[in-house]
PDB file of N, CA and C in Angstrom:
ATOM      1  N   GLN A   1      15.326   7.319   9.488  1.00  0.00           N
ATOM      2  CA  GLN A   1      14.901   7.688   8.433  1.00  0.00           C
ATOM      3  C   GLN A   1      14.377   5.677   7.188  1.00  0.00           C
ATOM      4  N   VAL A   2      13.567   6.107   6.955  1.00  0.00           N
ATOM      5  CA  VAL A   2      13.203   4.895   6.621  1.00  0.00           C
ATOM      6  C   VAL A   2      12.866   4.949   4.674  1.00  0.00           C
ATOM      7  N   GLN A   3      13.693   3.737   4.116  1.00  0.00           N
ATOM      8  CA  GLN A   3      14.024   3.284   2.719  1.00  0.00           C
ATOM      9  C   GLN A   3      12.585   2.617   2.153  1.00  0.00           C
ATOM     10  N   LEU A   4      11.910   2.640   1.639  1.00  0.00           N
ATOM     11  CA  LEU A   4      10.990   1.722   1.427  1.00  0.00           C
ATOM     12  C   LEU A   4      10.890   1.694  -0.401  1.00  0.00           C
ATOM     13  N   VAL A   5      11.038  -0.115  -0.291  1.00  0.00           N
ATOM     14  CA  VAL A   5      10.894  -0.272  -1.134  1.00  0.00           C
ATOM     15  C   VAL A   5       9.915  -1.414  -1.899  1.00  0.00           C
ATOM     16  N   GLU A   6       9.208  -1.202  -3.036  1.00  0.00           N
ATOM     17  CA  GLU A   6       7.478  -1.608  -3.401  1.00  0.00           C
ATOM     18  C   GLU A   6       8.126  -3.126  -4.734  1.00  0.00           C
ATOM     19  N   SER A   7       7.149  -3.902  -4.978  1.00  0.00           N
ATOM     20  CA  SER A   7       7.829  -5.250  -5.500  1.00  0.00           C
ATOM     21  C   SER A   7       6.412  -5.579  -5.828  1.00  0.00           C
ATOM     22  N   GLY A   8       5.808  -6.933  -7.371  1.00  0.00           N
ATOM     23  CA  GLY A   8       5.246  -7.846  -6.626  1.00  0.00           C
ATOM     24  C   GLY A   8       4.092  -7.006  -8.141  1.00  0.00           C
ATOM     25  N   GLY A   9       3.998  -5.933  -8.377  1.00  0.00           N
ATOM     26  CA  GLY A   9       3.055  -5.210  -9.678  1.00  0.00           C
ATOM     27  C   GLY A   9       3.193  -6.294 -10.641  1.00  0.00           C
ATOM     28  N   GLY A  10       2.764  -5.808 -11.783  1.00  0.00           N
ATOM     29  CA  GLY A  10       2.540  -6.417 -12.896  1.00  0.00           C
ATOM     30  C   GLY A  10       1.093  -6.352 -13.448  1.00  0.00           C
ATOM     31  N   LEU A  11       0.571  -7.737 -14.707  1.00  0.00           N
ATOM     32  CA  LEU A  11       0.058  -7.209 -15.562  1.00  0.00           C
ATOM     33  C   LEU A  11      -1.063  -8.803 -14.995  1.00  0.00           C
ATOM     34  N   VAL A  12      -2.300  -8.252 -14.953  1.00  0.00           N
ATOM     35  CA  VAL A  12      -2.989  -9.511 -14.434  1.00  0.00           C
ATOM     36  C   VAL A  12      -4.210  -8.837 -15.130  1.00  0.00           C
ATOM     37  N   GLN A  13      -5.284  -9.791 -15.370  1.00  0.00           N
ATOM     38  CA  GLN A  13      -6.789 -10.087 -16.368  1.00  0.00           C
ATOM     39  C   GLN A  13      -7.527  -9.415 -14.471  1.00  0.00           C
ATOM     40  N   ALA A  14      -8.397  -8.825 -15.486  1.00  0.00           N
ATOM     41  CA  ALA A  14      -9.863  -8.684 -14.177  1.00  0.00           C
ATOM     42  C   ALA A  14     -10.392  -9.582 -13.942  1.00  0.00           C
ATOM     43  N   GLY A  15     -11.048  -9.612 -12.519  1.00  0.00           N
ATOM     44  CA  GLY A  15     -10.787 -10.536 -11.044  1.00  0.00           C
ATOM     45  C   GLY A  15      -9.359 -11.739 -10.663  1.00  0.00           C
ATOM     46  N   GLY A  16      -8.368 -11.491 -11.181  1.00  0.00           N
ATOM     47  CA  GLY A  16      -7.634 -11.607 -10.864  1.00  0.00           C
ATOM     48  C   GLY A  16      -7.177 -10.607  -9.430  1.00  0.00           C
ATOM     49  N   SER A  17      -5.690 -11.795  -9.152  1.00  0.00           N
ATOM     50  CA  SER A  17      -5.288 -11.224  -7.986  1.00  0.00           C
ATOM     51  C   SER A  17      -3.708 -11.085  -7.850  1.00  0.00           C
ATOM     52  N   LEU A  18      -2.990  -9.917  -7.005  1.00  0.00           N
ATOM     53  CA  LEU A  18      -1.738  -9.706  -7.101  1.00  0.00           C
ATOM     54  C   LEU A  18      -1.823  -9.533  -5.326  1.00  0.00           C
ATOM     55  N   ARG A  19       0.167  -9.600  -5.222  1.00  0.00           N
ATOM     56  CA  ARG A  19       0.103  -9.085  -3.647  1.00  0.00           C
ATOM     57  C   ARG A  19       1.419  -8.824  -3.798  1.00  0.00           C
ATOM     58  N   LEU A  20       1.536  -7.326  -3.747  1.00  0.00           N
ATOM     59  CA  LEU A  20       2.728  -5.698  -3.326  1.00  0.00           C
ATOM     60  C   LEU A  20       2.886  -5.957  -1.950  1.00  0.00           C
ATOM     61  N   SER A  21       4.524  -6.475  -2.116  1.00  0.00           N
ATOM     62  CA  SER A  21       4.991  -6.069  -0.975  1.00  0.00           C
ATOM     63  C   SER A  21       5.995  -4.927  -0.935  1.00  0.00           C
ATOM     64  N   CYS A  22       6.319  -4.439   0.532  1.00  0.00           N
ATOM     65  CA  CYS A  22       6.934  -3.176   0.589  1.00  0.00           C
ATOM     66  C   CYS A  22       8.248  -3.697   1.467  1.00  0.00           C
ATOM     67  N   ALA A  23       9.229  -3.603   0.930  1.00  0.00           N
ATOM     68  CA  ALA A  23      10.410  -3.868   1.602  1.00  0.00           C
ATOM     69  C   ALA A  23      10.976  -2.487   2.775  1.00  0.00           C
ATOM     70  N   ALA A  24      11.060  -2.408   3.810  1.00  0.00           N
ATOM     71  CA  ALA A  24      11.752  -1.265   4.414  1.00  0.00           C
ATOM     72  C   ALA A  24      12.491  -1.453   4.993  1.00  0.00           C
ATOM     73  N   SER A  25      13.870  -0.444   5.384  1.00  0.00           N
ATOM     74  CA  SER A  25      14.848  -0.641   5.921  1.00  0.00           C
ATOM     75  C   SER A  25      15.213   1.029   6.741  1.00  0.00           C
ATOM     76  N   GLY A  26      15.861   0.553   7.788  1.00  0.00           N
ATOM     77  CA  GLY A  26      16.329   2.105   8.453  1.00  0.00           C
ATOM     78  C   GLY A  26      15.582   1.645  10.032  1.00  0.00           C
ATOM     79  N   ARG A  27      15.591   2.829  10.662  1.00  0.00           N
ATOM     80  CA  ARG A  27      15.297   2.757  12.119  1.00  0.00           C
ATOM     81  C   ARG A  27      14.607   2.572  12.545  1.00  0.00           C
ATOM     82  N   ALA A  28      13.450   1.748  13.270  1.00  0.00           N
ATOM     83  CA  ALA A  28      11.976   2.284  14.076  1.00  0.00           C
ATOM     84  C   ALA A  28      11.648   1.928  12.927  1.00  0.00           C
ATOM     85  N   PHE A  29      11.238   1.123  12.182  1.00  0.00           N
ATOM     86  CA  PHE A  29       9.695   0.590  11.210  1.00  0.00           C
ATOM     87  C   PHE A  29       8.727   0.868  11.973  1.00  0.00           C
ATOM     88  N   SER A  30       9.192  -0.450  12.860  1.00  0.00           N
ATOM     89  CA  SER A  30       7.582  -0.735  14.033  1.00  0.00           C
ATOM     90  C   SER A  30       7.201   0.031  14.244  1.00  0.00           C
ATOM     91  N   THR A  31       7.581   1.298  14.752  1.00  0.00           N
ATOM     92  CA  THR A  31       6.850   2.162  15.183  1.00  0.00           C
ATOM     93  C   THR A  31       6.205   3.115  14.509  1.00  0.00           C
ATOM     94  N   TYR A  32       6.094   2.966  12.611  1.00  0.00           N
ATOM     95  CA  TYR A  32       5.389   3.621  12.033  1.00  0.00           C
ATOM     96  C   TYR A  32       3.999   2.879  11.556  1.00  0.00           C
ATOM     97  N   THR A  33       3.202   3.625  11.464  1.00  0.00           N
ATOM     98  CA  THR A  33       1.979   3.931  10.515  1.00  0.00           C
ATOM     99  C   THR A  33       2.429   3.454   8.785  1.00  0.00           C
ATOM    100  N   MET A  34       1.764   2.609   8.771  1.00  0.00           N
ATOM    101  CA  MET A  34       2.560   2.597   6.658  1.00  0.00           C
ATOM    102  C   MET A  34       1.008   2.304   6.042  1.00  0.00           C
ATOM    103  N   GLY A  35       1.300   2.591   4.677  1.00  0.00           N
ATOM    104  CA  GLY A  35       0.275   3.120   4.193  1.00  0.00           C
ATOM    105  C   GLY A  35       0.449   2.616   2.644  1.00  0.00           C
ATOM    106  N   TRP A  36      -0.339   2.160   1.852  1.00  0.00           N
ATOM    107  CA  TRP A  36      -0.504   2.209   0.492  1.00  0.00           C
ATOM    108  C   TRP A  36      -1.661   3.119  -0.232  1.00  0.00           C
ATOM    109  N   PHE A  37      -1.072   3.367  -1.126  1.00  0.00           N
ATOM    110  CA  PHE A  37      -1.386   5.094  -1.906  1.00  0.00           C
ATOM    111  C   PHE A  37      -1.585   4.583  -3.186  1.00  0.00           C
ATOM    112  N   ARG A  38      -2.028   4.604  -4.390  1.00  0.00           N
ATOM    113  CA  ARG A  38      -1.916   4.766  -5.909  1.00  0.00           C
ATOM    114  C   ARG A  38      -2.212   5.831  -6.472  1.00  0.00           C
ATOM    115  N   GLN A  39      -1.240   6.068  -8.060  1.00  0.00           N
ATOM    116  CA  GLN A  39      -1.810   6.824  -8.889  1.00  0.00           C
ATOM    117  C   GLN A  39      -1.937   6.531 -10.385  1.00  0.00           C
ATOM    118  N   ALA A  40      -3.512   6.493 -10.651  1.00  0.00           N
ATOM    119  CA  ALA A  40      -3.782   5.908 -12.031  1.00  0.00           C
ATOM    120  C   ALA A  40      -3.364   6.943 -12.685  1.00  0.00           C
ATOM    121  N   PRO A  41      -2.824   7.376 -13.944  1.00  0.00           N
ATOM    122  CA  PRO A  41      -2.733   8.143 -15.294  1.00  0.00           C
ATOM    123  C   PRO A  41      -3.854   9.311 -15.201  1.00  0.00           C
ATOM    124  N   GLY A  42      -2.908  10.903 -14.893  1.00  0.00           N
ATOM    125  CA  GLY A  42      -3.613  11.749 -15.433  1.00  0.00           C
ATOM    126  C   GLY A  42      -4.425  11.880 -13.534  1.00  0.00           C
ATOM    127  N   LYS A  43      -4.905  11.102 -12.844  1.00  0.00           N
ATOM    128  CA  LYS A  43      -5.268  11.359 -11.362  1.00  0.00           C
ATOM    129  C   LYS A  43      -4.363  11.341 -10.455  1.00  0.00           C
ATOM    130  N   GLU A  44      -5.264  12.591  -9.247  1.00  0.00           N
ATOM    131  CA  GLU A  44      -4.327  12.651  -7.917  1.00  0.00           C
ATOM    132  C   GLU A  44      -3.671  11.352  -7.382  1.00  0.00           C
ATOM    133  N   ARG A  45      -2.699  11.497  -6.520  1.00  0.00           N
ATOM    134  CA  ARG A  45      -2.662   9.920  -5.534  1.00  0.00           C
ATOM    135  C   ARG A  45      -3.381  10.367  -4.643  1.00  0.00           C
ATOM    136  N   GLU A  46      -4.325   8.697  -4.422  1.00  0.00           N
ATOM    137  CA  GLU A  46      -5.031   8.874  -3.459  1.00  0.00           C
ATOM    138  C   GLU A  46      -4.339   7.712  -2.462  1.00  0.00           C
ATOM    139  N   PHE A  47      -5.509   7.545  -1.745  1.00  0.00           N
ATOM    140  CA  PHE A  47      -5.185   6.570  -0.549  1.00  0.00           C
ATOM    141  C   PHE A  47      -5.728   4.807  -0.960  1.00  0.00           C
ATOM    142  N   VAL A  48      -5.431   4.010  -0.168  1.00  0.00           N
ATOM    143  CA  VAL A  48      -5.877   2.496  -0.543  1.00  0.00           C
ATOM    144  C   VAL A  48      -5.702   2.222   0.880  1.00  0.00           C
ATOM    145  N   ALA A  49      -4.941   1.947   1.544  1.00  0.00           N
ATOM    146  CA  ALA A  49      -5.303   1.327   2.592  1.00  0.00           C
ATOM    147  C   ALA A  49      -4.145   1.229   3.463  1.00  0.00           C
ATOM    148  N   ALA A  50      -4.217   1.293   5.137  1.00  0.00           N
ATOM    149  CA  ALA A  50      -3.304   1.593   5.774  1.00  0.00           C
ATOM    150  C   ALA A  50      -3.383   1.048   7.486  1.00  0.00           C
ATOM    151  N   ILE A  51      -2.154   0.843   7.944  1.00  0.00           N
ATOM    152  CA  ILE A  51      -2.095  -0.099   9.005  1.00  0.00           C
ATOM    153  C   ILE A  51      -1.516   0.146  10.321  1.00  0.00           C
ATOM    154  N   SER A  52      -2.094   0.263  11.851  1.00  0.00           N
ATOM    155  CA  SER A  52      -1.003   0.513  12.588  1.00  0.00           C
ATOM    156  C   SER A  52      -0.308  -0.051  13.115  1.00  0.00           C
ATOM    157  N   TRP A  53       1.228   0.314  13.430  1.00  0.00           N
ATOM    158  CA  TRP A  53       2.376   0.357  13.703  1.00  0.00           C
ATOM    159  C   TRP A  53       2.073  -1.218  14.666  1.00  0.00           C
ATOM    160  N   SER A  54       1.113  -2.103  15.926  1.00  0.00           N
ATOM    161  CA  SER A  54       0.666  -2.501  15.905  1.00  0.00           C
ATOM    162  C   SER A  54       0.205  -3.794  15.805  1.00  0.00           C
ATOM    163  N   ARG A  55      -0.322  -3.559  14.231  1.00  0.00           N
ATOM    164  CA  ARG A  55      -0.726  -4.135  13.156  1.00  0.00           C
ATOM    165  C   ARG A  55      -2.850  -4.139  13.656  1.00  0.00           C
ATOM    166  N   THR A  56      -2.885  -3.647  15.403  1.00  0.00           N
ATOM    167  CA  THR A  56      -4.258  -3.260  15.394  1.00  0.00           C
ATOM    168  C   THR A  56      -5.404  -2.602  14.981  1.00  0.00           C
ATOM    169  N   ASP A  57      -4.822  -2.178  14.242  1.00  0.00           N
ATOM    170  CA  ASP A  57      -6.044  -1.148  13.397  1.00  0.00           C
ATOM    171  C   ASP A  57      -5.430  -1.361  12.109  1.00  0.00           C
ATOM    172  N   THR A  58      -6.849  -1.292  11.584  1.00  0.00           N
ATOM    173  CA  THR A  58      -6.615  -1.083   9.883  1.00  0.00           C
ATOM    174  C   THR A  58      -8.019  -0.089   8.856  1.00  0.00           C
ATOM    175  N   TYR A  59      -7.394   0.334   8.405  1.00  0.00           N
ATOM    176  CA  TYR A  59      -8.292   1.453   7.696  1.00  0.00           C
ATOM    177  C   TYR A  59      -8.089   1.044   5.983  1.00  0.00           C
ATOM    178  N   SER A  60      -9.045   0.963   5.447  1.00  0.00           N
ATOM    179  CA  SER A  60      -9.144   1.249   3.830  1.00  0.00           C
ATOM    180  C   SER A  60      -9.827   2.264   2.973  1.00  0.00           C
ATOM    181  N   ALA A  61      -9.753   2.100   1.993  1.00  0.00           N
ATOM    182  CA  ALA A  61     -10.531   3.390   1.488  1.00  0.00           C
ATOM    183  C   ALA A  61     -12.445   2.286   0.990  1.00  0.00           C
ATOM    184  N   ASP A  62     -13.214   2.951   0.667  1.00  0.00           N
ATOM    185  CA  ASP A  62     -14.110   2.131   0.069  1.00  0.00           C
ATOM    186  C   ASP A  62     -13.850   1.297  -0.879  1.00  0.00           C
ATOM    187  N   SER A  63     -13.002   2.136  -2.228  1.00  0.00           N
ATOM    188  CA  SER A  63     -13.277   1.304  -3.579  1.00  0.00           C
ATOM    189  C   SER A  63     -12.489  -0.116  -3.244  1.00  0.00           C
ATOM    190  N   VAL A  64     -11.926  -0.400  -1.922  1.00  0.00           N
ATOM    191  CA  VAL A  64     -11.013  -1.701  -1.941  1.00  0.00           C
ATOM    192  C   VAL A  64     -11.960  -2.490  -0.926  1.00  0.00           C
ATOM    193  N   LYS A  65     -12.072  -2.100   0.281  1.00  0.00           N
ATOM    194  CA  LYS A  65     -12.812  -2.921   1.122  1.00  0.00           C
ATOM    195  C   LYS A  65     -13.461  -4.110   0.410  1.00  0.00           C
ATOM    196  N   GLY A  66     -12.977  -4.972   1.077  1.00  0.00           N
ATOM    197  CA  GLY A  66     -14.035  -6.363   1.085  1.00  0.00           C
ATOM    198  C   GLY A  66     -12.593  -6.970   0.028  1.00  0.00           C
ATOM    199  N   ARG A  67     -12.087  -6.460  -1.055  1.00  0.00           N
ATOM    200  CA  ARG A  67     -11.255  -6.599  -2.090  1.00  0.00           C
ATOM    201  C   ARG A  67      -9.660  -7.101  -1.294  1.00  0.00           C
ATOM    202  N   PHE A  68      -9.172  -6.186  -1.169  1.00  0.00           N
ATOM    203  CA  PHE A  68      -7.836  -5.646  -0.487  1.00  0.00           C
ATOM    204  C   PHE A  68      -7.798  -5.311   1.167  1.00  0.00           C
ATOM    205  N   THR A  69      -6.454  -6.545   0.918  1.00  0.00           N
ATOM    206  CA  THR A  69      -6.400  -6.242   2.898  1.00  0.00           C
ATOM    207  C   THR A  69      -4.640  -6.020   2.768  1.00  0.00           C
ATOM    208  N   ILE A  70      -4.570  -4.941   3.981  1.00  0.00           N
ATOM    209  CA  ILE A  70      -2.734  -4.925   4.108  1.00  0.00           C
ATOM    210  C   ILE A  70      -2.778  -5.767   5.155  1.00  0.00           C
ATOM    211  N   SER A  71      -1.325  -6.102   5.576  1.00  0.00           N
ATOM    212  CA  SER A  71      -0.636  -6.157   6.347  1.00  0.00           C
ATOM    213  C   SER A  71       0.878  -5.712   7.039  1.00  0.00           C
ATOM    214  N   ARG A  72       1.115  -6.593   7.569  1.00  0.00           N
ATOM    215  CA  ARG A  72       2.648  -5.911   7.665  1.00  0.00           C
ATOM    216  C   ARG A  72       3.465  -7.467   8.765  1.00  0.00           C
ATOM    217  N   ASP A  73       4.884  -7.279   8.696  1.00  0.00           N
ATOM    218  CA  ASP A  73       5.014  -8.379   9.910  1.00  0.00           C
ATOM    219  C   ASP A  73       7.007  -7.469  10.110  1.00  0.00           C
ATOM    220  N   ASN A  74       6.759  -7.450  11.241  1.00  0.00           N
ATOM    221  CA  ASN A  74       7.389  -6.211  11.497  1.00  0.00           C
ATOM    222  C   ASN A  74       9.064  -6.877  12.024  1.00  0.00           C
ATOM    223  N   ALA A  75       8.559  -7.783  12.401  1.00  0.00           N
ATOM    224  CA  ALA A  75      10.058  -8.627  11.923  1.00  0.00           C
ATOM    225  C   ALA A  75      10.922  -8.949  11.341  1.00  0.00           C
ATOM    226  N   LYS A  76       9.886  -8.959  10.298  1.00  0.00           N
ATOM    227  CA  LYS A  76      11.006  -8.662   8.583  1.00  0.00           C
ATOM    228  C   LYS A  76      11.023  -7.679   8.075  1.00  0.00           C
ATOM    229  N   ASN A  77      10.435  -6.574   9.176  1.00  0.00           N
ATOM    230  CA  ASN A  77       9.865  -4.920   8.069  1.00  0.00           C
ATOM    231  C   ASN A  77       9.355  -5.017   6.651  1.00  0.00           C
ATOM    232  N   MET A  78       8.523  -5.546   6.633  1.00  0.00           N
ATOM    233  CA  MET A  78       7.281  -5.686   5.715  1.00  0.00           C
ATOM    234  C   MET A  78       6.314  -5.424   5.585  1.00  0.00           C
ATOM    235  N   VAL A  79       5.829  -4.844   4.815  1.00  0.00           N
ATOM    236  CA  VAL A  79       4.164  -4.503   4.887  1.00  0.00           C
ATOM    237  C   VAL A  79       3.828  -4.805   2.828  1.00  0.00           C
ATOM    238  N   TYR A  80       2.474  -6.067   3.795  1.00  0.00           N
ATOM    239  CA  TYR A  80       2.238  -6.189   1.878  1.00  0.00           C
ATOM    240  C   TYR A  80       0.868  -5.742   1.632  1.00  0.00           C
ATOM    241  N   LEU A  81       0.396  -5.785   0.598  1.00  0.00           N
ATOM    242  CA  LEU A  81      -0.863  -5.778   0.225  1.00  0.00           C
ATOM    243  C   LEU A  81      -2.019  -6.967  -0.832  1.00  0.00           C
ATOM    244  N   GLN A  82      -2.971  -7.659   0.201  1.00  0.00           N
ATOM    245  CA  GLN A  82      -3.428  -8.863  -0.910  1.00  0.00           C
ATOM    246  C   GLN A  82      -4.349  -7.691  -1.858  1.00  0.00           C
ATOM    247  N   MET A  83      -5.032  -8.203  -2.945  1.00  0.00           N
ATOM    248  CA  MET A  83      -5.131  -7.686  -3.995  1.00  0.00           C
ATOM    249  C   MET A  83      -5.966  -8.746  -4.716  1.00  0.00           C
ATOM    250  N   ASN A  84      -7.162  -8.337  -4.502  1.00  0.00           N
ATOM    251  CA  ASN A  84      -8.068  -9.844  -5.221  1.00  0.00           C
ATOM    252  C   ASN A  84      -9.153  -9.073  -6.023  1.00  0.00           C
ATOM    253  N   SER A  85      -9.923  -9.991  -6.840  1.00  0.00           N
ATOM    254  CA  SER A  85     -11.255  -9.448  -7.499  1.00  0.00           C
ATOM    255  C   SER A  85     -10.528  -8.053  -8.267  1.00  0.00           C
ATOM    256  N   LEU A  86      -9.691  -7.956  -9.282  1.00  0.00           N
ATOM    257  CA  LEU A  86      -8.913  -6.645  -9.489  1.00  0.00           C
ATOM    258  C   LEU A  86      -9.969  -6.564 -10.628  1.00  0.00           C
ATOM    259  N   LYS A  87      -9.749  -5.178 -10.459  1.00  0.00           N
ATOM    260  CA  LYS A  87     -11.207  -4.091 -11.726  1.00  0.00           C
ATOM    261  C   LYS A  87     -10.032  -3.753 -12.437  1.00  0.00           C
ATOM    262  N   PRO A  88     -10.526  -2.886 -13.663  1.00  0.00           N
ATOM    263  CA  PRO A  88      -9.721  -2.598 -14.679  1.00  0.00           C
ATOM    264  C   PRO A  88      -9.596  -0.807 -13.941  1.00  0.00           C
ATOM    265  N   GLU A  89      -9.985  -0.450 -13.377  1.00  0.00           N
ATOM    266  CA  GLU A  89     -10.387   1.162 -12.542  1.00  0.00           C
ATOM    267  C   GLU A  89      -9.475   0.820 -11.822  1.00  0.00           C
ATOM    268  N   ASP A  90      -8.491  -0.375 -10.730  1.00  0.00           N
ATOM    269  CA  ASP A  90      -7.499  -0.378 -10.175  1.00  0.00           C
ATOM    270  C   ASP A  90      -6.095  -0.292 -10.767  1.00  0.00           C
ATOM    271  N   THR A  91      -6.093   0.145 -12.457  1.00  0.00           N
ATOM    272  CA  THR A  91      -4.744   0.104 -12.689  1.00  0.00           C
ATOM    273  C   THR A  91      -4.264   1.119 -12.576  1.00  0.00           C
ATOM    274  N   ALA A  92      -3.091   1.420 -11.621  1.00  0.00           N
ATOM    275  CA  ALA A  92      -2.326   2.418 -11.037  1.00  0.00           C
ATOM    276  C   ALA A  92      -1.067   2.115 -11.013  1.00  0.00           C
ATOM    277  N   VAL A  93      -0.346   3.275 -10.391  1.00  0.00           N
ATOM    278  CA  VAL A  93       1.166   2.739  -9.839  1.00  0.00           C
ATOM    279  C   VAL A  93       0.802   2.876  -8.346  1.00  0.00           C
ATOM    280  N   TYR A  94       1.677   1.773  -7.794  1.00  0.00           N
ATOM    281  CA  TYR A  94       1.109   1.733  -6.065  1.00  0.00           C
ATOM    282  C   TYR A  94       2.742   1.847  -6.065  1.00  0.00           C
ATOM    283  N   TYR A  95       1.957   3.110  -4.527  1.00  0.00           N
ATOM    284  CA  TYR A  95       2.973   3.437  -4.131  1.00  0.00           C
ATOM    285  C   TYR A  95       2.965   2.957  -2.147  1.00  0.00           C
ATOM    286  N   CYS A  96       3.923   2.830  -1.678  1.00  0.00           N
ATOM    287  CA  CYS A  96       4.205   2.225   0.344  1.00  0.00           C
ATOM    288  C   CYS A  96       5.021   3.555   0.723  1.00  0.00           C
ATOM    289  N   ALA A  97       4.325   3.616   2.172  1.00  0.00           N
ATOM    290  CA  ALA A  97       4.343   5.141   1.989  1.00  0.00           C
ATOM    291  C   ALA A  97       4.846   4.824   4.032  1.00  0.00           C
ATOM    292  N   ALA A  98       5.260   5.588   4.472  1.00  0.00           N
ATOM    293  CA  ALA A  98       5.587   5.160   6.207  1.00  0.00           C
ATOM    294  C   ALA A  98       4.829   7.254   7.117  1.00  0.00           C
ATOM    295  N   ALA A  99       4.268   6.486   7.811  1.00  0.00           N
ATOM    296  CA  ALA A  99       3.682   7.795   8.706  1.00  0.00           C
ATOM    297  C   ALA A  99       3.976   7.872  10.251  1.00  0.00           C
ATOM    298  N   ILE A 100       3.690   8.708  10.768  1.00  0.00           N
ATOM    299  CA  ILE A 100       3.866   8.569  12.546  1.00  0.00           C
ATOM    300  C   ILE A 100       2.687   9.138  12.299  1.00  0.00           C
ATOM    301  N   GLY A 101       1.585   8.256  13.355  1.00  0.00           N
ATOM    302  CA  GLY A 101       0.719   8.878  13.562  1.00  0.00           C
ATOM    303  C   GLY A 101      -0.438   7.366  13.242  1.00  0.00           C
ATOM    304  N   PRO A 102      -1.937   7.874  13.299  1.00  0.00           N
ATOM    305  CA  PRO A 102      -2.962   6.164  13.905  1.00  0.00           C
ATOM    306  C   PRO A 102      -3.440   5.522  12.290  1.00  0.00           C
ATOM    307  N   SER A 103      -3.595   5.204  12.127  1.00  0.00           N
ATOM    308  CA  SER A 103      -3.744   4.136  10.686  1.00  0.00           C
ATOM    309  C   SER A 103      -4.952   5.318   9.728  1.00  0.00           C
ATOM    310  N   THR A 104      -5.480   6.347  10.237  1.00  0.00           N
ATOM    311  CA  THR A 104      -6.206   7.416   9.811  1.00  0.00           C
ATOM    312  C   THR A 104      -5.785   8.503   9.367  1.00  0.00           C
ATOM    313  N   ALA A 105      -4.185   8.333   9.272  1.00  0.00           N
ATOM    314  CA  ALA A 105      -3.558   9.658   9.257  1.00  0.00           C
ATOM    315  C   ALA A 105      -3.812  10.261   8.123  1.00  0.00           C
ATOM    316  N   PRO A 106      -3.567  11.595   7.865  1.00  0.00           N
ATOM    317  CA  PRO A 106      -4.180  12.207   6.319  1.00  0.00           C
ATOM    318  C   PRO A 106      -2.940  11.674   5.348  1.00  0.00           C
ATOM    319  N   PRO A 107      -2.571  11.854   4.539  1.00  0.00           N
ATOM    320  CA  PRO A 107      -1.954  11.480   3.079  1.00  0.00           C
ATOM    321  C   PRO A 107      -0.228  12.468   3.665  1.00  0.00           C
ATOM    322  N   THR A 108      -0.490  13.995   4.691  1.00  0.00           N
ATOM    323  CA  THR A 108       0.118  14.781   4.966  1.00  0.00           C
ATOM    324  C   THR A 108       0.742  13.944   5.482  1.00  0.00           C
ATOM    325  N   ALA A 109       0.601  13.112   6.616  1.00  0.00           N
ATOM    326  CA  ALA A 109       1.412  12.916   7.339  1.00  0.00           C
ATOM    327  C   ALA A 109       2.214  11.483   7.091  1.00  0.00           C
ATOM    328  N   TYR A 110       2.536  11.482   6.097  1.00  0.00           N
ATOM    329  CA  TYR A 110       3.538  10.253   5.606  1.00  0.00           C
ATOM    330  C   TYR A 110       4.932  10.511   4.966  1.00  0.00           C
ATOM    331  N   ARG A 111       5.516  10.566   5.716  1.00  0.00           N
ATOM    332  CA  ARG A 111       7.183  11.125   5.735  1.00  0.00           C
ATOM    333  C   ARG A 111       8.116  10.330   4.930  1.00  0.00           C
ATOM    334  N   TYR A 112       7.945   9.470   4.083  1.00  0.00           N
ATOM    335  CA  TYR A 112       8.670   8.478   3.586  1.00  0.00           C
ATOM    336  C   TYR A 112       7.593   8.013   2.798  1.00  0.00           C
ATOM    337  N   TRP A 113       8.703   8.177   1.051  1.00  0.00           N
ATOM    338  CA  TRP A 113       7.515   7.180   0.481  1.00  0.00           C
ATOM    339  C   TRP A 113       8.532   6.320  -0.614  1.00  0.00           C
ATOM    340  N   GLY A 114       7.977   4.849  -1.190  1.00  0.00           N
ATOM    341  CA  GLY A 114       9.069   3.943  -2.260  1.00  0.00           C
ATOM    342  C   GLY A 114       8.693   4.311  -3.244  1.00  0.00           C
ATOM    343  N   GLN A 115       9.319   3.873  -4.159  1.00  0.00           N
ATOM    344  CA  GLN A 115       9.500   4.648  -5.915  1.00  0.00           C
ATOM    345  C   GLN A 115       8.090   4.462  -6.710  1.00  0.00           C
ATOM    346  N   GLY A 116       7.397   3.680  -6.271  1.00  0.00           N
ATOM    347  CA  GLY A 116       6.341   2.662  -6.783  1.00  0.00           C
ATOM    348  C   GLY A 116       6.120   1.797  -7.621  1.00  0.00           C
ATOM    349  N   THR A 117       5.256   0.668  -7.537  1.00  0.00           N
ATOM    350  CA  THR A 117       5.084  -0.002  -8.650  1.00  0.00           C
ATOM    351  C   THR A 117       3.880  -0.470  -9.539  1.00  0.00           C
ATOM    352  N   GLN A 118       3.933  -0.460 -10.736  1.00  0.00           N
ATOM    353  CA  GLN A 118       2.972  -0.607 -11.878  1.00  0.00           C
ATOM    354  C   GLN A 118       1.949  -1.482 -11.568  1.00  0.00           C
ATOM    355  N   VAL A 119       0.735  -1.500 -11.431  1.00  0.00           N
ATOM    356  CA  VAL A 119      -0.141  -2.727 -11.446  1.00  0.00           C
ATOM    357  C   VAL A 119      -1.194  -2.173 -12.501  1.00  0.00           C
ATOM    358  N   THR A 120      -1.735  -3.299 -13.583  1.00  0.00           N
ATOM    359  CA  THR A 120      -2.383  -3.024 -14.710  1.00  0.00           C
ATOM    360  C   THR A 120      -3.423  -4.245 -14.891  1.00  0.00           C
ATOM    361  N   VAL A 121      -4.536  -3.843 -14.968  1.00  0.00           N
ATOM    362  CA  VAL A 121      -5.469  -5.104 -14.752  1.00  0.00           C
ATOM    363  C   VAL A 121      -6.397  -4.612 -16.061  1.00  0.00           C
ATOM    364  N   SER A 122      -6.250  -5.964 -16.661  1.00  0.00           N
ATOM    365  CA  SER A 122      -6.548  -5.917 -17.922  1.00  0.00           C
ATOM    366  C   SER A 122      -8.262  -6.235 -18.401  1.00  0.00           C
ATOM    367  N   SER A 123      -9.369  -5.907 -19.206  1.00  0.00           N
ATOM    368  CA  SER A 123     -10.377  -6.760 -19.249  1.00  0.00           C
ATOM    369  C   SER A 123     -10.766  -7.454 -19.883  1.00  0.00           C
TER     370      SER A 123
END
């Protein structure tokens, strides 16, 4: 089992940057694909980005390509989401999750989820 705790959310102006962190505890963290998802008020949870256990494969949603970068440090059991050029539409609760499978795994493959961290982008 894997426990996930997100941090780094907050309030930022449009065009600004934030770095989200996800601390993982439990066994075999380095064998999981890790992903970030987000959920805005009144909307369904959506995929943001994922990274394979080996860090060689990353996959991101079209809406964040070129602005967000996912990375991981298996030695520290950490996953990060660097968010640049933030837009008001990026406002959401951001969740870290762990899956068995490739970086393109569907949301249903994610077995473990964190509690989320709020990101608010003001215009």
